Amino acid sequence: MNGLELRHAERDADIEACFTLMRQLRPHLADSMELLTRVRRQEKQSYRLLVAWRGKQPVGAAGYRLQENLIRGRFVYVDDLVVLESERRSGIGARLLDEVARLAKSAGCGWLMLDTALDNALGQRFYFRWGLLSTALHFGRPLA
């Protein structure tokens, strides 16, 4: 973990620099401008992008937002968690989640929540090791 710095991507250039990394998780993103536009729009709903930087290169990221509902009260929802393929199994994902959890707890959140695909066995194994448990089955359908 030498040379690793965690900080939020706040400048346009920092968000755009995350495109290659985020595309590993979200392959439908067309280019860095689409990423920037979507992040800026989501920021209006409290979205933040915490990035693990090795020098000027983003090697991991956690996109999250603080929310509240009647089931959980105040909680943090992790929309995106991704680590460069070449950097996986190095503890970066856990470090990102640890920091998101710390920030959320200091903001009065009592839960950290996220969704993962049913066929994402490696991700699920990581989440269980990190201490997350299955608490619900998420349902959805396209409206188009």
N, C-alpha and C. Protein backbone atom coordinates (compact mmCIF):
# COMPACT_ATOMS: atom_id res chain seq x y z
N MET A 1 0.83 -1.20 0.00
CA MET A 1 0.00 0.00 0.00
C MET A 1 0.86 1.25 0.00
N ASN A 2 2.15 1.09 -0.22
CA ASN A 2 3.05 2.25 -0.26
C ASN A 2 2.63 3.20 -1.36
N GLY A 3 2.68 4.47 -1.05
CA GLY A 3 2.37 5.49 -2.04
C GLY A 3 0.89 5.62 -2.35
N LEU A 4 0.03 5.02 -1.55
CA LEU A 4 -1.41 5.09 -1.81
C LEU A 4 -2.02 6.22 -0.99
N GLU A 5 -2.78 7.07 -1.66
CA GLU A 5 -3.46 8.19 -1.00
C GLU A 5 -4.95 8.10 -1.29
N LEU A 6 -5.78 8.20 -0.27
CA LEU A 6 -7.23 8.25 -0.46
C LEU A 6 -7.67 9.70 -0.40
N ARG A 7 -8.37 10.14 -1.45
CA ARG A 7 -8.95 11.47 -1.46
C ARG A 7 -10.09 11.50 -2.46
N HIS A 8 -11.04 12.39 -2.21
CA HIS A 8 -12.18 12.52 -3.10
C HIS A 8 -11.78 13.16 -4.42
N ALA A 9 -12.37 12.68 -5.49
CA ALA A 9 -12.21 13.31 -6.81
C ALA A 9 -13.19 14.46 -6.85
N GLU A 10 -12.66 15.67 -6.79
CA GLU A 10 -13.54 16.85 -6.76
C GLU A 10 -13.35 17.72 -8.00
N ARG A 11 -12.15 17.80 -8.51
CA ARG A 11 -11.90 18.59 -9.72
C ARG A 11 -12.33 17.79 -10.95
N ASP A 12 -12.76 18.49 -11.98
CA ASP A 12 -13.16 17.82 -13.21
C ASP A 12 -12.07 16.88 -13.71
N ALA A 13 -10.83 17.33 -13.69
CA ALA A 13 -9.72 16.51 -14.20
C ALA A 13 -9.55 15.23 -13.39
N ASP A 14 -9.79 15.30 -12.08
CA ASP A 14 -9.68 14.10 -11.24
C ASP A 14 -10.77 13.09 -11.58
N ILE A 15 -11.99 13.58 -11.79
CA ILE A 15 -13.10 12.69 -12.14
C ILE A 15 -12.84 12.06 -13.50
N GLU A 16 -12.43 12.87 -14.47
CA GLU A 16 -12.15 12.34 -15.80
C GLU A 16 -11.01 11.32 -15.77
N ALA A 17 -10.04 11.51 -14.89
CA ALA A 17 -8.91 10.57 -14.77
C ALA A 17 -9.37 9.19 -14.31
N CYS A 18 -10.56 9.12 -13.71
CA CYS A 18 -11.10 7.86 -13.20
C CYS A 18 -11.84 7.05 -14.26
N PHE A 19 -11.94 7.57 -15.49
CA PHE A 19 -12.74 6.90 -16.52
C PHE A 19 -12.30 5.47 -16.78
N THR A 20 -11.02 5.23 -17.03
CA THR A 20 -10.54 3.88 -17.35
C THR A 20 -10.84 2.92 -16.20
N LEU A 21 -10.62 3.37 -14.98
CA LEU A 21 -10.92 2.57 -13.80
C LEU A 21 -12.41 2.28 -13.70
N MET A 22 -13.26 3.30 -13.78
CA MET A 22 -14.70 3.12 -13.63
C MET A 22 -15.29 2.29 -14.77
N ARG A 23 -14.66 2.34 -15.92
CA ARG A 23 -15.18 1.57 -17.06
C ARG A 23 -15.06 0.07 -16.81
N GLN A 24 -14.12 -0.33 -15.94
CA GLN A 24 -14.03 -1.76 -15.60
C GLN A 24 -15.31 -2.23 -14.91
N LEU A 25 -15.92 -1.35 -14.14
CA LEU A 25 -17.15 -1.68 -13.42
C LEU A 25 -18.39 -1.30 -14.22
N ARG A 26 -18.31 -0.21 -14.93
CA ARG A 26 -19.46 0.33 -15.68
C ARG A 26 -19.10 0.45 -17.17
N PRO A 27 -19.04 -0.69 -17.89
CA PRO A 27 -18.58 -0.67 -19.29
C PRO A 27 -19.48 0.11 -20.24
N HIS A 28 -20.69 0.45 -19.81
CA HIS A 28 -21.59 1.21 -20.67
C HIS A 28 -21.20 2.69 -20.77
N LEU A 29 -20.29 3.17 -19.90
CA LEU A 29 -19.87 4.57 -19.98
C LEU A 29 -19.09 4.78 -21.28
N ALA A 30 -19.48 5.79 -22.03
CA ALA A 30 -18.90 6.00 -23.36
C ALA A 30 -17.52 6.65 -23.29
N ASP A 31 -17.37 7.65 -22.43
CA ASP A 31 -16.10 8.39 -22.39
C ASP A 31 -16.02 9.16 -21.07
N SER A 32 -14.90 9.85 -20.89
CA SER A 32 -14.67 10.56 -19.63
C SER A 32 -15.65 11.72 -19.43
N MET A 33 -16.14 12.31 -20.52
CA MET A 33 -17.12 13.39 -20.38
C MET A 33 -18.45 12.86 -19.86
N GLU A 34 -18.85 11.67 -20.29
CA GLU A 34 -20.08 11.09 -19.76
C GLU A 34 -19.92 10.80 -18.27
N LEU A 35 -18.77 10.27 -17.87
CA LEU A 35 -18.52 10.03 -16.46
C LEU A 35 -18.61 11.33 -15.67
N LEU A 36 -17.95 12.36 -16.14
CA LEU A 36 -17.97 13.65 -15.47
C LEU A 36 -19.39 14.20 -15.35
N THR A 37 -20.15 14.16 -16.43
CA THR A 37 -21.52 14.67 -16.44
C THR A 37 -22.39 13.92 -15.45
N ARG A 38 -22.25 12.60 -15.42
CA ARG A 38 -23.09 11.80 -14.53
C ARG A 38 -22.69 11.99 -13.07
N VAL A 39 -21.39 12.07 -12.80
CA VAL A 39 -20.95 12.30 -11.42
C VAL A 39 -21.45 13.65 -10.94
N ARG A 40 -21.31 14.69 -11.76
CA ARG A 40 -21.77 16.02 -11.36
C ARG A 40 -23.28 16.04 -11.10
N ARG A 41 -24.05 15.31 -11.92
CA ARG A 41 -25.50 15.25 -11.71
C ARG A 41 -25.82 14.49 -10.41
N GLN A 42 -25.11 13.40 -10.15
CA GLN A 42 -25.35 12.60 -8.95
C GLN A 42 -24.89 13.32 -7.68
N GLU A 43 -23.93 14.23 -7.81
CA GLU A 43 -23.49 14.99 -6.64
C GLU A 43 -24.65 15.79 -6.02
N LYS A 44 -25.63 16.13 -6.83
CA LYS A 44 -26.80 16.85 -6.32
C LYS A 44 -27.63 15.96 -5.39
N GLN A 45 -27.36 14.65 -5.41
CA GLN A 45 -28.02 13.68 -4.52
C GLN A 45 -27.02 13.14 -3.50
N SER A 46 -25.99 13.90 -3.20
CA SER A 46 -24.96 13.63 -2.19
C SER A 46 -23.90 12.62 -2.62
N TYR A 47 -23.84 12.26 -3.90
CA TYR A 47 -22.83 11.31 -4.38
C TYR A 47 -21.43 11.90 -4.23
N ARG A 48 -20.50 11.07 -3.76
CA ARG A 48 -19.08 11.45 -3.69
C ARG A 48 -18.27 10.30 -4.24
N LEU A 49 -17.14 10.62 -4.82
CA LEU A 49 -16.26 9.61 -5.40
C LEU A 49 -14.93 9.64 -4.65
N LEU A 50 -14.75 8.65 -3.78
CA LEU A 50 -13.51 8.50 -3.02
C LEU A 50 -12.57 7.64 -3.85
N VAL A 51 -11.35 8.15 -4.07
CA VAL A 51 -10.42 7.48 -4.98
C VAL A 51 -9.14 7.13 -4.24
N ALA A 52 -8.62 5.94 -4.53
CA ALA A 52 -7.30 5.52 -4.08
C ALA A 52 -6.34 5.89 -5.21
N TRP A 53 -5.43 6.81 -4.92
CA TRP A 53 -4.48 7.32 -5.92
C TRP A 53 -3.10 6.74 -5.64
N ARG A 54 -2.44 6.26 -6.66
CA ARG A 54 -1.03 5.91 -6.61
C ARG A 54 -0.34 6.92 -7.51
N GLY A 55 0.22 7.94 -6.88
CA GLY A 55 0.71 9.08 -7.66
C GLY A 55 -0.48 9.80 -8.26
N LYS A 56 -0.45 9.96 -9.57
CA LYS A 56 -1.57 10.63 -10.26
C LYS A 56 -2.55 9.64 -10.86
N GLN A 57 -2.30 8.33 -10.64
CA GLN A 57 -3.17 7.31 -11.24
C GLN A 57 -4.19 6.79 -10.23
N PRO A 58 -5.48 6.84 -10.60
CA PRO A 58 -6.50 6.23 -9.75
C PRO A 58 -6.42 4.71 -9.89
N VAL A 59 -6.29 4.00 -8.77
CA VAL A 59 -6.19 2.54 -8.80
C VAL A 59 -7.39 1.87 -8.13
N GLY A 60 -8.24 2.65 -7.49
CA GLY A 60 -9.45 2.14 -6.87
C GLY A 60 -10.40 3.29 -6.59
N ALA A 61 -11.68 3.00 -6.52
CA ALA A 61 -12.65 4.06 -6.25
C ALA A 61 -13.90 3.49 -5.59
N ALA A 62 -14.50 4.31 -4.76
CA ALA A 62 -15.78 4.00 -4.13
C ALA A 62 -16.69 5.21 -4.32
N GLY A 63 -17.75 5.03 -5.06
CA GLY A 63 -18.77 6.05 -5.21
C GLY A 63 -19.87 5.78 -4.21
N TYR A 64 -20.24 6.77 -3.43
CA TYR A 64 -21.20 6.55 -2.35
C TYR A 64 -22.05 7.78 -2.13
N ARG A 65 -23.15 7.59 -1.41
CA ARG A 65 -24.01 8.71 -1.05
C ARG A 65 -24.65 8.44 0.31
N LEU A 66 -24.85 9.50 1.06
CA LEU A 66 -25.53 9.41 2.34
C LEU A 66 -27.03 9.51 2.06
N GLN A 67 -27.79 8.62 2.68
CA GLN A 67 -29.23 8.58 2.45
C GLN A 67 -29.96 8.34 3.77
N GLU A 68 -31.27 8.37 3.70
CA GLU A 68 -32.09 8.06 4.86
C GLU A 68 -33.40 7.45 4.37
N ASN A 69 -33.84 6.40 5.07
CA ASN A 69 -35.16 5.84 4.79
C ASN A 69 -35.77 5.32 6.08
N LEU A 70 -37.01 4.87 6.00
CA LEU A 70 -37.72 4.41 7.20
C LEU A 70 -37.20 3.07 7.71
N ILE A 71 -36.58 2.28 6.86
CA ILE A 71 -36.08 0.97 7.27
C ILE A 71 -34.80 1.09 8.08
N ARG A 72 -33.83 1.85 7.58
CA ARG A 72 -32.50 1.92 8.18
C ARG A 72 -32.20 3.23 8.91
N GLY A 73 -33.02 4.26 8.72
CA GLY A 73 -32.64 5.57 9.22
C GLY A 73 -31.54 6.13 8.31
N ARG A 74 -30.56 6.81 8.90
CA ARG A 74 -29.45 7.35 8.08
C ARG A 74 -28.47 6.22 7.76
N PHE A 75 -28.09 6.13 6.48
CA PHE A 75 -27.15 5.10 6.06
C PHE A 75 -26.32 5.62 4.89
N VAL A 76 -25.26 4.91 4.60
CA VAL A 76 -24.46 5.21 3.42
C VAL A 76 -24.69 4.09 2.42
N TYR A 77 -24.93 4.47 1.18
CA TYR A 77 -25.11 3.50 0.10
C TYR A 77 -23.91 3.58 -0.83
N VAL A 78 -23.25 2.46 -1.04
CA VAL A 78 -22.10 2.40 -1.95
C VAL A 78 -22.62 2.01 -3.33
N ASP A 79 -22.58 2.96 -4.24
CA ASP A 79 -23.02 2.73 -5.62
C ASP A 79 -21.97 1.97 -6.42
N ASP A 80 -20.72 2.32 -6.21
CA ASP A 80 -19.64 1.82 -7.05
C ASP A 80 -18.45 1.46 -6.17
N LEU A 81 -17.88 0.29 -6.40
CA LEU A 81 -16.62 -0.08 -5.76
C LEU A 81 -15.82 -0.84 -6.79
N VAL A 82 -14.66 -0.29 -7.14
CA VAL A 82 -13.85 -0.90 -8.18
C VAL A 82 -12.36 -0.70 -7.88
N VAL A 83 -11.58 -1.72 -8.19
CA VAL A 83 -10.12 -1.66 -8.05
C VAL A 83 -9.55 -2.17 -9.37
N LEU A 84 -8.51 -1.49 -9.85
CA LEU A 84 -7.86 -1.95 -11.07
C LEU A 84 -7.53 -3.43 -10.97
N GLU A 85 -7.76 -4.15 -12.04
CA GLU A 85 -7.49 -5.59 -12.08
C GLU A 85 -6.08 -5.90 -11.55
N SER A 86 -5.10 -5.12 -11.95
CA SER A 86 -3.71 -5.37 -11.55
C SER A 86 -3.45 -5.08 -10.08
N GLU A 87 -4.38 -4.40 -9.39
CA GLU A 87 -4.20 -4.01 -7.99
C GLU A 87 -5.10 -4.80 -7.04
N ARG A 88 -5.92 -5.72 -7.60
CA ARG A 88 -6.83 -6.46 -6.73
C ARG A 88 -6.05 -7.39 -5.81
N ARG A 89 -6.67 -7.72 -4.69
CA ARG A 89 -6.08 -8.57 -3.65
C ARG A 89 -4.95 -7.88 -2.90
N SER A 90 -4.94 -6.55 -2.96
CA SER A 90 -3.89 -5.79 -2.26
C SER A 90 -4.44 -5.01 -1.08
N GLY A 91 -5.74 -5.14 -0.81
CA GLY A 91 -6.35 -4.45 0.32
C GLY A 91 -6.95 -3.10 0.00
N ILE A 92 -6.89 -2.67 -1.26
CA ILE A 92 -7.40 -1.35 -1.62
C ILE A 92 -8.91 -1.27 -1.44
N GLY A 93 -9.65 -2.30 -1.87
CA GLY A 93 -11.10 -2.29 -1.72
C GLY A 93 -11.52 -2.17 -0.26
N ALA A 94 -10.86 -2.94 0.60
CA ALA A 94 -11.18 -2.88 2.03
C ALA A 94 -10.83 -1.52 2.60
N ARG A 95 -9.72 -0.96 2.16
CA ARG A 95 -9.33 0.36 2.66
C ARG A 95 -10.34 1.42 2.24
N LEU A 96 -10.83 1.34 1.01
CA LEU A 96 -11.86 2.28 0.55
C LEU A 96 -13.14 2.13 1.37
N LEU A 97 -13.59 0.89 1.57
CA LEU A 97 -14.81 0.69 2.36
C LEU A 97 -14.62 1.13 3.81
N ASP A 98 -13.45 0.88 4.38
CA ASP A 98 -13.17 1.34 5.74
C ASP A 98 -13.32 2.86 5.85
N GLU A 99 -12.78 3.56 4.86
CA GLU A 99 -12.85 5.03 4.89
C GLU A 99 -14.28 5.52 4.67
N VAL A 100 -15.01 4.91 3.74
CA VAL A 100 -16.42 5.29 3.54
C VAL A 100 -17.19 5.05 4.83
N ALA A 101 -16.97 3.92 5.49
CA ALA A 101 -17.65 3.61 6.75
C ALA A 101 -17.30 4.64 7.82
N ARG A 102 -16.05 5.03 7.90
CA ARG A 102 -15.63 6.03 8.89
C ARG A 102 -16.32 7.37 8.64
N LEU A 103 -16.33 7.80 7.38
CA LEU A 103 -16.98 9.07 7.02
C LEU A 103 -18.48 9.02 7.32
N ALA A 104 -19.10 7.90 6.99
CA ALA A 104 -20.55 7.77 7.21
C ALA A 104 -20.88 7.74 8.70
N LYS A 105 -20.09 7.03 9.46
CA LYS A 105 -20.34 6.97 10.90
C LYS A 105 -20.22 8.35 11.52
N SER A 106 -19.22 9.11 11.08
CA SER A 106 -19.06 10.47 11.62
C SER A 106 -20.19 11.39 11.19
N ALA A 107 -20.92 11.02 10.13
CA ALA A 107 -22.08 11.80 9.66
C ALA A 107 -23.38 11.28 10.27
N GLY A 108 -23.29 10.35 11.21
CA GLY A 108 -24.48 9.86 11.90
C GLY A 108 -25.17 8.68 11.25
N CYS A 109 -24.50 8.02 10.32
CA CYS A 109 -25.10 6.86 9.65
C CYS A 109 -24.90 5.60 10.50
N GLY A 110 -25.91 4.75 10.51
CA GLY A 110 -25.85 3.51 11.26
C GLY A 110 -25.65 2.27 10.42
N TRP A 111 -25.70 2.40 9.11
CA TRP A 111 -25.57 1.26 8.21
C TRP A 111 -24.74 1.64 6.99
N LEU A 112 -24.04 0.65 6.44
CA LEU A 112 -23.43 0.73 5.12
C LEU A 112 -24.13 -0.32 4.27
N MET A 113 -24.66 0.08 3.13
CA MET A 113 -25.42 -0.81 2.25
C MET A 113 -24.84 -0.76 0.84
N LEU A 114 -24.95 -1.87 0.14
CA LEU A 114 -24.60 -1.91 -1.28
C LEU A 114 -25.31 -3.08 -1.92
N ASP A 115 -25.38 -3.07 -3.22
CA ASP A 115 -25.94 -4.18 -4.00
C ASP A 115 -24.82 -4.77 -4.84
N THR A 116 -24.93 -6.04 -5.13
CA THR A 116 -24.02 -6.69 -6.06
C THR A 116 -24.81 -7.68 -6.88
N ALA A 117 -24.32 -7.98 -8.05
CA ALA A 117 -25.01 -8.92 -8.94
C ALA A 117 -25.01 -10.32 -8.32
N LEU A 118 -26.07 -11.07 -8.57
CA LEU A 118 -26.16 -12.42 -8.03
C LEU A 118 -25.04 -13.32 -8.54
N ASP A 119 -24.51 -13.04 -9.73
CA ASP A 119 -23.45 -13.88 -10.27
C ASP A 119 -22.04 -13.36 -9.95
N ASN A 120 -21.93 -12.37 -9.08
CA ASN A 120 -20.64 -11.79 -8.71
C ASN A 120 -20.08 -12.53 -7.49
N ALA A 121 -19.70 -13.78 -7.67
CA ALA A 121 -19.25 -14.62 -6.56
C ALA A 121 -17.99 -14.06 -5.90
N LEU A 122 -17.04 -13.56 -6.69
CA LEU A 122 -15.81 -13.01 -6.10
C LEU A 122 -16.10 -11.77 -5.27
N GLY A 123 -16.97 -10.91 -5.78
CA GLY A 123 -17.35 -9.72 -5.03
C GLY A 123 -18.07 -10.09 -3.74
N GLN A 124 -18.97 -11.06 -3.82
CA GLN A 124 -19.71 -11.48 -2.64
C GLN A 124 -18.76 -12.05 -1.59
N ARG A 125 -17.79 -12.83 -2.02
CA ARG A 125 -16.81 -13.39 -1.09
C ARG A 125 -16.04 -12.26 -0.38
N PHE A 126 -15.65 -11.23 -1.13
CA PHE A 126 -14.97 -10.08 -0.55
C PHE A 126 -15.88 -9.37 0.47
N TYR A 127 -17.15 -9.15 0.11
CA TYR A 127 -18.07 -8.45 1.00
C TYR A 127 -18.29 -9.23 2.29
N PHE A 128 -18.43 -10.55 2.20
CA PHE A 128 -18.58 -11.36 3.41
C PHE A 128 -17.33 -11.25 4.29
N ARG A 129 -16.16 -11.30 3.67
CA ARG A 129 -14.90 -11.17 4.44
C ARG A 129 -14.83 -9.80 5.11
N TRP A 130 -15.35 -8.78 4.46
CA TRP A 130 -15.32 -7.42 5.02
C TRP A 130 -16.34 -7.26 6.14
N GLY A 131 -17.27 -8.21 6.29
CA GLY A 131 -18.24 -8.17 7.37
C GLY A 131 -19.65 -7.83 6.94
N LEU A 132 -19.88 -7.71 5.65
CA LEU A 132 -21.24 -7.44 5.17
C LEU A 132 -22.04 -8.74 5.14
N LEU A 133 -23.31 -8.64 5.42
CA LEU A 133 -24.21 -9.78 5.35
C LEU A 133 -25.33 -9.47 4.39
N SER A 134 -25.90 -10.51 3.80
CA SER A 134 -27.08 -10.34 2.95
C SER A 134 -28.25 -9.95 3.83
N THR A 135 -28.85 -8.79 3.56
CA THR A 135 -29.98 -8.33 4.37
C THR A 135 -31.26 -8.23 3.56
N ALA A 136 -31.17 -8.37 2.23
CA ALA A 136 -32.36 -8.24 1.40
C ALA A 136 -32.07 -8.82 0.02
N LEU A 137 -33.10 -9.01 -0.73
CA LEU A 137 -32.98 -9.37 -2.14
C LEU A 137 -33.51 -8.17 -2.92
N HIS A 138 -32.70 -7.61 -3.77
CA HIS A 138 -33.05 -6.39 -4.50
C HIS A 138 -33.79 -6.78 -5.78
N PHE A 139 -34.94 -6.17 -6.02
CA PHE A 139 -35.72 -6.43 -7.22
C PHE A 139 -35.74 -5.20 -8.09
N GLY A 140 -35.86 -5.39 -9.38
CA GLY A 140 -35.96 -4.27 -10.31
C GLY A 140 -36.48 -4.73 -11.66
N ARG A 141 -36.90 -3.75 -12.45
CA ARG A 141 -37.30 -4.03 -13.83
C ARG A 141 -37.17 -2.73 -14.61
N PRO A 142 -36.82 -2.84 -15.87
CA PRO A 142 -36.74 -1.63 -16.69
C PRO A 142 -38.12 -1.04 -16.90
N LEU A 143 -38.18 0.27 -16.99
CA LEU A 143 -39.45 0.96 -17.21
C LEU A 143 -39.66 1.36 -18.66
N ALA A 144 -38.75 0.99 -19.50
CA ALA A 144 -38.88 1.36 -20.93
C ALA A 144 -39.66 0.34 -21.69
